[in-house]
Protein backbone atom coordinates (compact mmCIF):
# COMPACT_ATOMS: atom_id res chain seq x y z
CA MET A 1 -120.46 179.82 -13.44
CA GLN A 2 -122.58 180.28 -10.42
CA LEU A 3 -121.35 178.25 -7.22
CA ASN A 4 -122.96 178.16 -4.14
CA ILE A 5 -120.53 177.55 -1.03
CA HIS A 6 -120.89 176.36 2.38
CA HIS A 7 -117.47 176.42 4.66
CA GLU A 8 -118.06 175.70 8.13
CA THR A 9 -114.89 175.56 10.55
CA ILE A 10 -115.46 174.58 14.14
CA TYR A 11 -112.75 174.92 16.94
CA ARG A 12 -113.30 172.33 19.96
CA TYR A 13 -111.35 172.40 23.01
CA GLU A 14 -110.34 169.91 25.55
CA GLN A 15 -110.95 172.44 28.50
CA MET A 16 -112.84 175.65 28.46
CA GLN A 17 -111.06 178.72 27.19
CA THR A 18 -111.58 182.07 28.92
CA TYR A 19 -110.73 184.39 25.84
CA SER A 20 -109.74 183.76 22.04
CA ILE A 21 -109.30 185.65 18.79
CA GLN A 22 -109.75 184.82 15.11
CA LEU A 23 -108.56 186.30 12.43
CA VAL A 24 -111.09 185.48 9.64
CA ARG A 25 -110.19 186.03 5.72
CA LEU A 26 -113.78 184.40 4.33
CA PHE A 27 -114.82 187.44 2.29
CA PRO A 28 -114.79 186.93 -1.75
CA ALA A 29 -114.67 190.15 -3.15
CA SER A 30 -116.14 190.96 -6.73
CA GLY A 31 -113.42 191.33 -9.32
CA PRO A 32 -112.52 190.83 -12.84
CA THR A 33 -113.13 186.89 -12.66
CA GLN A 34 -115.93 186.94 -9.79
CA THR A 35 -119.23 188.56 -8.78
CA VAL A 36 -120.28 187.91 -5.28
CA MET A 37 -124.21 187.75 -5.60
CA ASP A 38 -124.70 187.32 -1.39
CA TRP A 39 -122.15 186.08 1.37
CA THR A 40 -122.47 185.76 4.84
CA VAL A 41 -120.36 184.99 7.75
CA SER A 42 -121.49 183.96 11.01
CA ALA A 43 -119.85 183.40 14.15
CA PRO A 44 -120.02 184.25 17.91
CA GLY A 45 -118.19 186.92 19.65
CA ILE A 46 -117.46 190.78 18.76
CA LYS A 47 -116.54 191.64 15.19
CA SER A 48 -114.16 194.10 14.11
CA PRO A 49 -113.69 194.38 10.38
CA SER A 50 -110.82 195.99 8.67
CA VAL A 51 -108.53 195.62 5.40
CA ASP A 52 -105.00 194.25 5.56
CA ALA A 53 -102.24 195.22 3.98
CA TYR A 54 -102.71 193.31 0.87
CA GLY A 55 -106.24 194.35 0.47
CA ASN A 56 -108.07 191.45 1.94
CA LEU A 57 -111.16 192.37 4.10
CA VAL A 58 -110.76 190.76 7.40
CA GLN A 59 -112.73 190.25 10.45
CA GLN A 60 -111.13 189.77 13.66
CA ILE A 61 -113.52 188.06 16.29
CA SER A 62 -113.04 188.51 19.69
CA LEU A 63 -114.68 185.68 22.31
CA SER A 64 -114.61 186.16 25.81
CA GLY A 65 -115.71 184.07 28.67
CA ALA A 66 -116.03 180.63 29.24
CA HIS A 67 -116.24 178.55 25.98
CA ALA A 68 -115.56 174.75 24.86
CA HIS A 69 -115.87 175.71 20.94
CA ILE A 70 -116.05 178.03 18.45
CA ARG A 71 -118.10 177.64 15.19
CA VAL A 72 -117.42 179.83 12.03
CA ILE A 73 -119.80 179.49 9.46
CA ALA A 74 -119.53 181.09 5.57
CA HIS A 75 -122.14 180.50 2.95
CA GLY A 76 -122.96 182.41 -0.21
CA ARG A 77 -123.22 182.50 -3.86
CA VAL A 78 -120.28 183.56 -6.32
CA GLN A 79 -120.79 183.98 -10.27
CA THR A 80 -117.33 183.20 -11.66
CA LEU A 81 -115.39 183.64 -14.89
CA ALA A 82 -112.18 182.07 -16.35
CA ALA A 83 -108.98 184.25 -16.22
CA ASN A 84 -108.82 183.38 -19.71
CA ALA A 85 -112.49 184.06 -20.77
CA PRO A 86 -113.18 187.10 -23.57
CA GLY A 87 -113.36 190.33 -22.14
CA VAL A 88 -111.78 189.65 -18.63
CA VAL A 89 -109.19 192.24 -17.98
CA LEU A 90 -106.64 190.99 -14.98
CA PRO A 91 -104.86 193.73 -12.59
CA ASN A 92 -102.20 195.40 -13.40
CA LEU A 93 -99.54 195.41 -10.31
CA SER A 94 -99.53 198.73 -8.21
CA ALA A 95 -96.09 200.42 -7.90
CA ALA A 96 -94.99 198.57 -4.71
CA ASP A 97 -96.39 195.21 -5.97
CA PRO A 98 -92.74 194.25 -7.67
CA TRP A 99 -91.08 194.73 -4.16
CA ILE A 100 -93.68 193.36 -1.77
CA PHE A 101 -93.90 190.09 -4.00
CA ARG A 102 -90.58 189.25 -4.80
CA GLN A 103 -89.88 189.33 -1.12
CA THR A 104 -89.12 185.76 0.52
CA THR A 105 -90.81 184.52 4.00
CA PRO A 106 -90.10 181.42 6.14
CA LEU A 107 -92.64 179.46 4.37
CA THR A 108 -91.20 180.48 0.49
CA GLU A 109 -87.59 180.69 1.08
CA ALA A 110 -85.70 178.93 -1.67
CA ASP A 111 -82.50 176.77 -0.90
CA THR A 112 -79.94 175.87 -3.41
CA ALA A 113 -81.87 172.78 -4.55
CA LEU A 114 -84.84 174.60 -5.21
CA SER A 115 -82.99 177.36 -7.03
CA ASP A 116 -80.91 174.77 -8.91
CA PHE A 117 -84.62 173.40 -9.70
CA ALA A 118 -86.19 176.98 -10.64
CA ALA A 119 -82.98 177.35 -13.38
CA ARG A 120 -83.50 174.07 -14.72
CA ALA A 121 -86.99 173.59 -15.08
CA LEU A 122 -87.08 177.61 -16.44
CA PRO A 123 -83.75 178.20 -18.29
CA GLN A 124 -85.85 180.90 -20.29
CA GLY A 125 -87.11 182.66 -17.31
CA MET A 126 -90.61 183.37 -16.79
CA ARG A 127 -92.29 185.93 -19.69
CA SER A 128 -95.66 183.99 -20.90
CA ARG A 129 -98.59 181.79 -19.66
CA ASP A 130 -96.79 178.77 -21.29
CA ASP A 131 -93.57 179.50 -19.04
CA ALA A 132 -95.94 179.51 -16.10
CA LEU A 133 -97.87 176.53 -16.93
CA GLN A 134 -94.19 174.85 -17.73
CA LEU A 135 -93.18 175.60 -14.02
CA ALA A 136 -96.39 173.85 -12.91
CA ALA A 137 -95.81 170.99 -14.49
CA ALA A 138 -92.39 170.74 -13.23
CA VAL A 139 -93.95 171.31 -9.65
CA CYS A 140 -96.13 168.58 -9.95
CA GLY A 141 -93.79 166.17 -11.38
CA HIS A 142 -91.17 166.56 -8.32
CA VAL A 143 -94.02 166.63 -5.48
CA SER A 144 -96.83 164.76 -5.64
CA TYR A 145 -100.26 165.26 -4.34
CA LEU A 146 -100.61 163.32 -1.69
CA THR A 147 -103.73 164.65 1.46
CA GLY A 148 -102.53 164.43 5.01
CA SER A 149 -98.69 164.22 4.04
CA THR A 150 -98.07 168.00 5.26
CA ASP A 151 -99.43 170.31 7.39
CA VAL A 152 -99.69 174.37 7.42
CA ALA A 153 -96.36 174.67 8.92
CA PHE A 154 -94.35 172.93 6.14
CA SER A 155 -92.02 175.29 4.21
CA ALA A 156 -91.54 175.03 0.57
CA LYS A 157 -88.03 173.72 1.16
CA GLU A 158 -89.27 170.91 3.34
CA ALA A 159 -92.43 169.80 1.05
CA PHE A 160 -89.96 169.74 -1.95
CA ALA A 161 -87.33 167.52 -0.02
CA LEU A 162 -90.36 165.08 0.98
CA GLY A 163 -91.64 165.09 -2.59
CA ARG A 164 -95.29 164.84 -1.56
CA GLY A 165 -97.69 167.57 -0.21
CA VAL A 166 -101.07 169.29 -1.11
CA CYS A 167 -102.24 172.57 -2.95
CA GLN A 168 -100.62 174.44 -0.11
CA ASP A 169 -97.15 173.11 -0.77
CA HIS A 170 -97.41 173.28 -4.44
CA ALA A 171 -98.40 177.09 -3.87
CA HIS A 172 -95.46 177.46 -1.67
CA ILE A 173 -92.96 175.73 -3.96
CA ALA A 174 -94.04 177.84 -6.97
CA LEU A 175 -93.62 181.07 -4.92
CA ALA A 176 -90.16 180.15 -3.98
CA LEU A 177 -89.08 179.50 -7.58
CA CYS A 178 -90.67 182.41 -9.10
CA ARG A 179 -89.13 184.73 -6.51
CA ALA A 180 -85.44 182.75 -7.12
CA LEU A 181 -86.21 183.97 -10.70
CA GLY A 182 -87.11 187.30 -9.84
CA VAL A 183 -90.61 187.28 -10.65
CA PRO A 184 -93.23 188.82 -8.23
CA ALA A 185 -95.93 186.21 -7.11
CA ARG A 186 -98.21 185.83 -4.56
CA TYR A 187 -100.39 183.15 -2.71
CA VAL A 188 -104.25 182.74 -3.47
CA SER A 189 -106.53 181.17 -1.10
CA GLY A 190 -110.24 180.11 -2.13
CA TYR A 191 -112.17 177.33 -3.17
CA PHE A 192 -112.35 174.83 -5.88
CA HIS A 193 -115.59 173.33 -7.56
CA THR A 194 -114.94 169.69 -9.25
CA ASP A 195 -117.88 167.75 -10.85
CA SER A 196 -116.53 164.42 -9.36
CA GLU A 197 -116.94 165.17 -5.73
CA HIS A 198 -117.08 167.61 -3.23
CA HIS A 199 -113.77 169.52 -2.44
CA LEU A 200 -114.24 169.12 1.11
CA ALA A 201 -111.36 171.68 2.06
CA THR A 202 -110.08 175.33 0.63
CA HIS A 203 -107.95 175.50 -2.08
CA ALA A 204 -104.53 177.45 -3.01
CA TRP A 205 -102.98 178.84 -5.79
CA VAL A 206 -100.88 181.84 -6.92
CA ASP A 207 -100.70 184.76 -8.73
CA VAL A 208 -97.53 185.02 -11.23
CA ALA A 209 -96.79 188.58 -12.81
CA LEU A 210 -96.37 188.45 -16.27
CA PRO A 211 -95.70 191.18 -18.97
CA ASP A 212 -98.35 192.24 -21.32
CA ALA A 213 -97.75 193.07 -24.87
CA THR A 214 -96.82 196.69 -23.55
CA GLY A 215 -94.46 195.33 -20.74
CA GLN A 216 -96.86 196.27 -18.01
CA LEU A 217 -96.88 193.62 -15.59
CA PHE A 218 -100.28 192.42 -14.71
CA TRP A 219 -101.34 189.33 -12.16
CA TRP A 220 -102.30 186.20 -13.99
CA PRO A 221 -103.82 183.15 -11.73
CA LEU A 222 -102.13 179.94 -11.91
CA ASP A 223 -103.49 176.68 -10.31
CA VAL A 224 -100.27 174.64 -9.76
CA THR A 225 -101.95 171.66 -8.46
CA HIS A 226 -104.30 171.47 -11.57
CA GLN A 227 -101.53 172.93 -13.94
CA CYS A 228 -103.99 175.53 -15.32
CA ALA A 229 -105.42 178.92 -15.28
CA GLN A 230 -108.08 179.73 -12.96
CA ASP A 231 -111.05 179.32 -14.38
CA GLU A 232 -115.03 179.28 -13.44
CA ARG A 233 -114.37 176.33 -11.30
CA HIS A 234 -112.51 178.72 -8.61
CA VAL A 235 -113.57 181.36 -5.94
CA ARG A 236 -110.90 183.87 -4.82
CA LEU A 237 -110.53 184.41 -0.91
CA ALA A 238 -107.43 186.36 -0.41
CA VAL A 239 -103.95 187.11 -1.40
CA GLY A 240 -100.59 187.06 0.53
CA ARG A 241 -97.05 186.36 0.39
CA ASP A 242 -97.88 182.70 1.33
CA TYR A 243 -99.97 180.99 3.87
CA ALA A 244 -99.60 182.57 6.78
CA SER A 245 -100.85 186.16 5.24
CA ALA A 246 -103.79 184.87 3.09
CA SER A 247 -105.02 182.03 5.26
CA PRO A 248 -108.86 181.60 5.60
CA ILE A 249 -108.63 181.36 9.44
CA ARG A 250 -105.87 181.77 12.23
CA GLY A 251 -106.77 182.34 16.13
CA VAL A 252 -105.20 182.73 19.39
CA ARG A 253 -106.47 181.82 22.82
CA VAL A 254 -106.14 181.73 26.14
CA GLY A 255 -106.54 178.59 28.05
CA HIS A 256 -105.14 175.26 28.60
CA GLY A 257 -105.73 172.12 26.97
CA GLU A 258 -105.74 170.17 23.29
CA GLU A 259 -107.43 171.72 20.57
CA GLN A 260 -109.27 170.16 17.31
CA MET A 261 -110.16 171.97 14.26
CA ASP A 262 -112.57 170.40 11.82
CA ALA A 263 -113.54 172.06 8.54
CA LYS A 264 -116.22 171.37 6.17
CA VAL A 265 -116.44 172.93 2.49
CA ILE A 266 -119.07 172.06 -0.06
CA VAL A 267 -119.27 173.94 -3.31
CA GLY A 268 -121.50 173.16 -6.12
CA SER A 269 -124.79 174.20 -7.23
CA ALA A 270 -127.06 172.45 -4.37
CA ALA A 271 -124.32 173.15 -1.72
CA VAL A 272 -125.79 175.54 0.64
CA ARG A 273 -129.52 173.83 0.71
CA ALA A 274 -127.60 170.29 1.11
CA ALA A 275 -125.61 171.79 4.02
CA GLU A 276 -128.67 173.49 5.50
CA GLN A 277 -130.51 170.43 5.57
CA GLN A 278 -128.03 168.19 7.61
């Protein structure tokens, strides 16, 4: 499937700011399940590209001088394949990945409630794709999807106790459960296309480590919220141990007053054209 994507983020400040830095992970990379046909990210300021510890392309955008807002626009075309499509070879874990992605973080730490839930949901452990889908069903059965019920600072423990959340919370809870079971797992940020309506925000899912027929571990992408493998509706942006290390945009600023962040994401066959006509 060819997906056209338009993603616009605007930070508006109550007072003039003198300096700001944004870390932007809005660069999809070509890989087994996607081919980037063209992609552009535009923003004001000085841009310094780098590759982070997880292999993501990151651009640091520095803006000095008085400014009341920052606009970051990413758009382009990506050809996608389902992870289960014939001929798709999913990546194996590196030698360091099991150690890196078994480590917990403040956003993915499992308390007693989560550890007990993991043992009940997967008493057999996680050795197959069916086990991973069973985990996703258990998470969604306990934590219903409700837009606006949490924010980016919510941890897996907090969302699990609340019983409501969004895709980010489903991903964090799944990571906490996997790591409680000793299974390496990582956070994935990206986009999701649906035929019924525009998905007006970025999406989140997970990669879980599963053994192949030889026992070699490979990354299998699991959309916890939709209880399915990553398919042609998904576009990957970045991976990390949690949202904090894979978020599309994070920043700091020098100045006073409140800030407001507005984001618009359009994913579809006419997305770029429709967005540019507005």
